[in-house]
N, C-alpha and C. Protein backbone atom coordinates (compact mmCIF):
# COMPACT_ATOMS: atom_id res chain seq x y z
N MET A 1 -19.27 -19.09 -3.04
CA MET A 1 -18.05 -19.05 -3.82
C MET A 1 -16.99 -18.28 -3.04
N SER A 2 -15.79 -18.76 -3.04
CA SER A 2 -14.70 -18.06 -2.36
C SER A 2 -13.71 -17.56 -3.40
N ARG A 3 -13.01 -16.51 -3.01
CA ARG A 3 -12.05 -15.89 -3.91
C ARG A 3 -10.72 -15.73 -3.19
N ALA A 4 -9.63 -16.08 -3.87
CA ALA A 4 -8.29 -16.03 -3.28
C ALA A 4 -7.75 -14.60 -3.29
N TYR A 5 -7.21 -14.21 -2.12
CA TYR A 5 -6.65 -12.87 -1.95
C TYR A 5 -5.34 -12.92 -1.20
N ASP A 6 -4.49 -11.95 -1.51
CA ASP A 6 -3.37 -11.60 -0.64
C ASP A 6 -3.77 -10.27 -0.03
N MET A 7 -3.80 -10.22 1.30
CA MET A 7 -4.15 -8.99 2.00
C MET A 7 -2.91 -8.50 2.75
N THR A 8 -2.61 -7.24 2.58
CA THR A 8 -1.55 -6.59 3.34
C THR A 8 -2.20 -5.51 4.18
N VAL A 9 -1.88 -5.49 5.46
CA VAL A 9 -2.40 -4.46 6.35
C VAL A 9 -1.25 -3.61 6.85
N GLU A 10 -1.44 -2.30 6.80
CA GLU A 10 -0.49 -1.35 7.38
C GLU A 10 -1.24 -0.55 8.42
N ILE A 11 -0.66 -0.44 9.61
CA ILE A 11 -1.30 0.23 10.73
C ILE A 11 -0.37 1.34 11.22
N ARG A 12 -0.94 2.53 11.41
CA ARG A 12 -0.18 3.69 11.90
C ARG A 12 -0.95 4.36 13.01
N LYS A 13 -0.25 5.15 13.81
CA LYS A 13 -0.85 5.92 14.91
C LYS A 13 -1.49 5.02 15.96
N PHE A 14 -0.88 3.87 16.20
CA PHE A 14 -1.37 2.92 17.20
C PHE A 14 -0.68 3.16 18.53
N ARG A 15 -1.28 2.63 19.57
CA ARG A 15 -0.67 2.70 20.90
C ARG A 15 0.39 1.59 20.97
N LYS A 16 1.59 1.95 21.31
CA LYS A 16 2.69 0.98 21.31
C LYS A 16 2.44 -0.20 22.25
N GLU A 17 1.80 0.07 23.40
CA GLU A 17 1.53 -1.01 24.34
C GLU A 17 0.47 -1.98 23.82
N ALA A 18 -0.22 -1.61 22.76
CA ALA A 18 -1.28 -2.46 22.21
C ALA A 18 -0.79 -3.34 21.05
N ILE A 19 0.48 -3.26 20.71
CA ILE A 19 0.99 -4.00 19.56
C ILE A 19 0.63 -5.49 19.61
N PRO A 20 0.92 -6.22 20.70
CA PRO A 20 0.57 -7.65 20.71
C PRO A 20 -0.94 -7.89 20.54
N ALA A 21 -1.76 -7.07 21.17
CA ALA A 21 -3.21 -7.24 21.05
C ALA A 21 -3.68 -6.95 19.63
N ILE A 22 -3.10 -5.95 18.99
CA ILE A 22 -3.46 -5.62 17.61
C ILE A 22 -3.10 -6.78 16.69
N GLN A 23 -1.90 -7.32 16.85
CA GLN A 23 -1.48 -8.44 16.01
C GLN A 23 -2.38 -9.65 16.21
N GLN A 24 -2.75 -9.93 17.44
CA GLN A 24 -3.62 -11.06 17.73
C GLN A 24 -5.01 -10.84 17.12
N ALA A 25 -5.54 -9.63 17.26
CA ALA A 25 -6.86 -9.32 16.71
C ALA A 25 -6.85 -9.44 15.19
N ALA A 26 -5.81 -8.91 14.56
CA ALA A 26 -5.72 -8.99 13.10
C ALA A 26 -5.61 -10.44 12.64
N ALA A 27 -4.84 -11.24 13.38
CA ALA A 27 -4.69 -12.66 13.03
C ALA A 27 -6.00 -13.42 13.19
N GLY A 28 -6.88 -12.92 14.04
CA GLY A 28 -8.19 -13.54 14.19
C GLY A 28 -9.09 -13.29 13.00
N GLU A 29 -8.75 -12.31 12.19
CA GLU A 29 -9.56 -11.97 11.02
C GLU A 29 -8.96 -12.49 9.71
N TRP A 30 -7.65 -12.71 9.69
CA TRP A 30 -6.95 -13.12 8.46
C TRP A 30 -5.61 -13.72 8.87
N PRO A 31 -5.09 -14.70 8.14
CA PRO A 31 -3.82 -15.33 8.55
C PRO A 31 -2.58 -14.48 8.21
N PHE A 32 -2.49 -13.32 8.86
CA PHE A 32 -1.32 -12.46 8.65
C PHE A 32 -0.09 -13.11 9.28
N LYS A 33 1.05 -12.92 8.65
CA LYS A 33 2.30 -13.48 9.19
C LYS A 33 3.45 -12.52 8.92
N ASP A 34 4.56 -12.80 9.55
CA ASP A 34 5.79 -12.02 9.36
C ASP A 34 5.56 -10.53 9.56
N TRP A 35 5.11 -10.17 10.77
CA TRP A 35 4.87 -8.77 11.08
C TRP A 35 6.17 -7.97 11.04
N LEU A 36 6.13 -6.83 10.42
CA LEU A 36 7.22 -5.87 10.43
C LEU A 36 6.74 -4.70 11.28
N VAL A 37 7.40 -4.49 12.40
CA VAL A 37 7.01 -3.42 13.32
C VAL A 37 8.17 -2.44 13.43
N ASN A 38 7.89 -1.17 13.13
CA ASN A 38 8.88 -0.11 13.28
C ASN A 38 8.27 0.94 14.21
N GLU A 39 8.52 0.77 15.50
CA GLU A 39 7.94 1.68 16.50
C GLU A 39 8.46 3.10 16.31
N GLU A 40 9.72 3.24 15.95
CA GLU A 40 10.30 4.56 15.77
C GLU A 40 9.60 5.33 14.65
N ALA A 41 9.34 4.67 13.55
CA ALA A 41 8.65 5.31 12.42
C ALA A 41 7.13 5.28 12.60
N GLY A 42 6.65 4.49 13.55
CA GLY A 42 5.23 4.48 13.87
C GLY A 42 4.35 3.67 12.94
N TYR A 43 4.86 2.55 12.46
CA TYR A 43 4.01 1.71 11.62
C TYR A 43 4.30 0.24 11.85
N MET A 44 3.34 -0.57 11.49
CA MET A 44 3.54 -2.02 11.43
C MET A 44 2.75 -2.54 10.26
N LEU A 45 3.23 -3.64 9.68
CA LEU A 45 2.53 -4.22 8.55
C LEU A 45 2.79 -5.71 8.48
N ALA A 46 1.87 -6.38 7.81
CA ALA A 46 1.96 -7.83 7.60
C ALA A 46 1.09 -8.17 6.41
N SER A 47 1.31 -9.35 5.87
CA SER A 47 0.45 -9.81 4.78
C SER A 47 0.18 -11.29 4.95
N GLY A 48 -0.79 -11.77 4.21
CA GLY A 48 -1.13 -13.18 4.24
C GLY A 48 -2.12 -13.50 3.14
N GLU A 49 -2.14 -14.76 2.75
CA GLU A 49 -3.05 -15.22 1.71
C GLU A 49 -4.13 -16.11 2.31
N SER A 50 -5.35 -15.90 1.81
CA SER A 50 -6.48 -16.73 2.20
C SER A 50 -7.61 -16.45 1.23
N ARG A 51 -8.83 -16.74 1.65
CA ARG A 51 -9.98 -16.57 0.77
C ARG A 51 -11.09 -15.79 1.45
N LEU A 52 -11.73 -14.92 0.70
CA LEU A 52 -12.95 -14.28 1.16
C LEU A 52 -14.10 -15.18 0.78
N CYS A 53 -14.98 -15.45 1.73
CA CYS A 53 -16.07 -16.40 1.50
C CYS A 53 -17.40 -15.76 1.88
N GLY A 54 -18.45 -16.46 1.55
CA GLY A 54 -19.79 -16.05 1.97
C GLY A 54 -20.25 -14.74 1.36
N GLY A 55 -19.72 -14.38 0.23
CA GLY A 55 -20.14 -13.15 -0.42
C GLY A 55 -19.50 -11.89 0.13
N GLU A 56 -18.60 -12.04 1.11
CA GLU A 56 -17.93 -10.86 1.67
C GLU A 56 -17.01 -10.25 0.62
N GLY A 57 -17.09 -8.94 0.48
CA GLY A 57 -16.23 -8.23 -0.46
C GLY A 57 -15.06 -7.59 0.25
N GLU A 58 -14.20 -6.96 -0.52
CA GLU A 58 -13.01 -6.31 0.02
C GLU A 58 -13.37 -5.20 1.01
N GLU A 59 -14.37 -4.39 0.69
CA GLU A 59 -14.77 -3.29 1.57
C GLU A 59 -15.26 -3.82 2.92
N GLU A 60 -16.08 -4.86 2.88
CA GLU A 60 -16.59 -5.44 4.13
C GLU A 60 -15.45 -6.04 4.95
N PHE A 61 -14.51 -6.69 4.28
CA PHE A 61 -13.36 -7.24 4.99
C PHE A 61 -12.55 -6.12 5.65
N ALA A 62 -12.27 -5.05 4.90
CA ALA A 62 -11.50 -3.93 5.44
C ALA A 62 -12.20 -3.32 6.64
N ASP A 63 -13.53 -3.21 6.58
CA ASP A 63 -14.29 -2.69 7.73
C ASP A 63 -14.16 -3.62 8.93
N ARG A 64 -14.34 -4.92 8.70
CA ARG A 64 -14.28 -5.91 9.79
C ARG A 64 -12.89 -5.91 10.43
N LEU A 65 -11.86 -5.86 9.62
CA LEU A 65 -10.49 -5.84 10.14
C LEU A 65 -10.22 -4.56 10.92
N ALA A 66 -10.65 -3.42 10.40
CA ALA A 66 -10.42 -2.15 11.08
C ALA A 66 -11.09 -2.15 12.45
N VAL A 67 -12.32 -2.63 12.54
CA VAL A 67 -13.02 -2.68 13.83
C VAL A 67 -12.26 -3.56 14.82
N ALA A 68 -11.79 -4.72 14.39
CA ALA A 68 -11.04 -5.62 15.28
C ALA A 68 -9.76 -4.94 15.77
N ILE A 69 -9.07 -4.24 14.88
CA ILE A 69 -7.82 -3.56 15.25
C ILE A 69 -8.11 -2.40 16.19
N TRP A 70 -9.15 -1.62 15.92
CA TRP A 70 -9.48 -0.50 16.79
C TRP A 70 -9.86 -0.97 18.19
N LYS A 71 -10.60 -2.07 18.26
CA LYS A 71 -10.96 -2.61 19.58
C LYS A 71 -9.69 -3.02 20.33
N ALA A 72 -8.78 -3.68 19.65
CA ALA A 72 -7.54 -4.13 20.29
C ALA A 72 -6.67 -2.94 20.69
N ASN A 73 -6.67 -1.88 19.88
CA ASN A 73 -5.88 -0.69 20.17
C ASN A 73 -6.51 0.16 21.26
N GLY A 74 -7.81 0.02 21.44
CA GLY A 74 -8.52 0.82 22.43
C GLY A 74 -8.79 2.23 21.96
N ALA A 75 -8.57 2.51 20.70
CA ALA A 75 -8.76 3.85 20.13
C ALA A 75 -8.60 3.74 18.61
N CYS A 76 -8.89 4.84 17.97
CA CYS A 76 -8.70 4.89 16.52
C CYS A 76 -7.21 4.86 16.17
N CYS A 77 -6.91 4.22 15.08
CA CYS A 77 -5.59 4.27 14.46
C CYS A 77 -5.82 4.11 12.96
N ASP A 78 -4.85 4.48 12.16
CA ASP A 78 -4.99 4.36 10.72
C ASP A 78 -4.78 2.91 10.30
N VAL A 79 -5.71 2.39 9.52
CA VAL A 79 -5.66 1.01 9.03
C VAL A 79 -5.78 1.05 7.52
N SER A 80 -4.77 0.57 6.83
CA SER A 80 -4.78 0.52 5.37
C SER A 80 -4.71 -0.94 4.94
N VAL A 81 -5.62 -1.34 4.07
CA VAL A 81 -5.67 -2.72 3.58
C VAL A 81 -5.42 -2.70 2.08
N LEU A 82 -4.37 -3.40 1.66
CA LEU A 82 -4.10 -3.59 0.24
C LEU A 82 -4.61 -4.97 -0.13
N ALA A 83 -5.67 -5.01 -0.92
CA ALA A 83 -6.31 -6.26 -1.29
C ALA A 83 -5.90 -6.63 -2.71
N THR A 84 -5.20 -7.75 -2.84
CA THR A 84 -4.80 -8.22 -4.16
C THR A 84 -5.59 -9.48 -4.48
N TYR A 85 -6.51 -9.35 -5.43
CA TYR A 85 -7.30 -10.50 -5.89
C TYR A 85 -6.37 -11.35 -6.75
N LEU A 86 -6.03 -12.52 -6.26
CA LEU A 86 -4.99 -13.32 -6.89
C LEU A 86 -5.39 -13.92 -8.23
N GLU A 87 -6.67 -13.90 -8.50
CA GLU A 87 -7.13 -14.45 -9.77
C GLU A 87 -7.33 -13.37 -10.82
N GLU A 88 -7.21 -12.10 -10.40
CA GLU A 88 -7.43 -10.98 -11.33
C GLU A 88 -6.75 -9.74 -10.77
N LEU A 89 -5.52 -9.50 -11.15
CA LEU A 89 -4.76 -8.36 -10.65
C LEU A 89 -5.21 -7.10 -11.38
N PRO A 90 -4.99 -5.90 -10.90
CA PRO A 90 -4.19 -5.41 -9.78
C PRO A 90 -4.98 -5.33 -8.48
N TYR A 91 -4.41 -4.71 -7.46
CA TYR A 91 -5.04 -4.61 -6.14
C TYR A 91 -5.80 -3.30 -6.00
N GLU A 92 -6.63 -3.24 -4.94
CA GLU A 92 -7.31 -2.01 -4.55
C GLU A 92 -6.96 -1.74 -3.09
N GLU A 93 -6.81 -0.47 -2.75
CA GLU A 93 -6.48 -0.08 -1.39
C GLU A 93 -7.73 0.44 -0.69
N HIS A 94 -7.90 0.03 0.58
CA HIS A 94 -9.03 0.47 1.39
C HIS A 94 -8.47 1.03 2.68
N PHE A 95 -8.57 2.34 2.87
CA PHE A 95 -7.96 3.05 3.99
C PHE A 95 -9.03 3.42 5.00
N ARG A 96 -8.77 3.16 6.27
CA ARG A 96 -9.68 3.53 7.35
C ARG A 96 -8.96 4.47 8.30
N ASP A 97 -9.62 5.57 8.67
CA ASP A 97 -9.04 6.53 9.60
C ASP A 97 -10.14 7.08 10.50
N GLU A 98 -9.91 8.25 11.09
CA GLU A 98 -10.87 8.82 12.03
C GLU A 98 -12.24 9.07 11.40
N ASP A 99 -12.28 9.37 10.12
CA ASP A 99 -13.56 9.58 9.45
C ASP A 99 -14.44 8.32 9.49
N ASP A 100 -13.80 7.16 9.48
CA ASP A 100 -14.53 5.89 9.49
C ASP A 100 -14.74 5.36 10.91
N TYR A 101 -13.90 5.80 11.84
CA TYR A 101 -13.90 5.26 13.19
C TYR A 101 -15.27 5.31 13.86
N GLU A 102 -15.85 6.49 13.91
CA GLU A 102 -17.13 6.64 14.62
C GLU A 102 -18.22 5.81 13.94
N ARG A 103 -18.30 5.87 12.63
CA ARG A 103 -19.33 5.13 11.89
C ARG A 103 -19.21 3.62 12.13
N LEU A 104 -18.02 3.07 11.98
CA LEU A 104 -17.84 1.62 12.08
C LEU A 104 -17.94 1.13 13.52
N MET A 105 -17.40 1.92 14.47
CA MET A 105 -17.47 1.48 15.86
C MET A 105 -18.91 1.51 16.36
N SER A 106 -19.69 2.50 15.95
CA SER A 106 -21.09 2.53 16.38
C SER A 106 -21.85 1.36 15.75
N GLN A 107 -21.53 1.01 14.51
CA GLN A 107 -22.15 -0.16 13.88
C GLN A 107 -21.77 -1.43 14.63
N ALA A 108 -20.50 -1.54 15.03
CA ALA A 108 -20.04 -2.73 15.74
C ALA A 108 -20.71 -2.83 17.11
N GLU A 109 -20.84 -1.69 17.80
CA GLU A 109 -21.50 -1.71 19.11
C GLU A 109 -22.97 -2.08 18.97
N LYS A 110 -23.63 -1.56 17.95
CA LYS A 110 -25.04 -1.90 17.72
C LYS A 110 -25.17 -3.38 17.39
N SER A 111 -24.27 -3.88 16.57
CA SER A 111 -24.30 -5.29 16.20
C SER A 111 -24.08 -6.18 17.42
N ALA A 112 -23.12 -5.79 18.28
CA ALA A 112 -22.84 -6.56 19.49
C ALA A 112 -24.06 -6.52 20.42
N SER A 113 -24.68 -5.35 20.51
CA SER A 113 -25.87 -5.21 21.36
C SER A 113 -27.02 -6.06 20.83
N ASP A 114 -27.20 -6.04 19.52
CA ASP A 114 -28.28 -6.83 18.89
C ASP A 114 -28.07 -8.32 19.05
N SER A 115 -26.79 -8.76 19.12
CA SER A 115 -26.53 -10.19 19.22
C SER A 115 -26.37 -10.65 20.66
N GLY A 116 -26.54 -9.72 21.62
CA GLY A 116 -26.46 -10.08 23.02
C GLY A 116 -25.07 -10.08 23.61
N GLU A 117 -24.06 -9.56 22.87
CA GLU A 117 -22.70 -9.52 23.38
C GLU A 117 -22.54 -8.45 24.45
N ALA A 118 -23.30 -7.39 24.33
CA ALA A 118 -23.20 -6.30 25.32
C ALA A 118 -23.94 -6.71 26.59
N THR A 119 -23.40 -6.30 27.72
CA THR A 119 -24.02 -6.66 29.00
C THR A 119 -24.95 -5.57 29.50
N ASN A 120 -24.90 -4.37 28.90
CA ASN A 120 -25.74 -3.25 29.31
C ASN A 120 -25.68 -3.00 30.81
N GLY A 121 -24.49 -3.07 31.37
CA GLY A 121 -24.28 -2.77 32.78
C GLY A 121 -24.67 -3.88 33.73
N GLN A 122 -24.99 -5.03 33.25
CA GLN A 122 -25.42 -6.13 34.11
C GLN A 122 -24.28 -7.03 34.45
């Protein structure tokens, strides 16, 4: 069963040179469009509508998106996801920061290693 959502992502404390990579990585996880980037204020945001499928919940999506953005940024940055379930309002916010960085990145590295994505120096 799939569920319709509007997801808005706000990213802060990112590396400015990584902006295109971050946007591309985020777009690989969700159809975000119309990016608003304010380098001076240090934030960027976008939103898009699509569906969560395969039993994935909002928390799992926020984790998956944060990992993709952190990899593209090459470091931790603040990732806030506003998830609006379009069939049953209101929304819930899922914020990722340094407290989540180590936990999620180690999980992602272990997952990549388990699936053979890591080369282990070869």
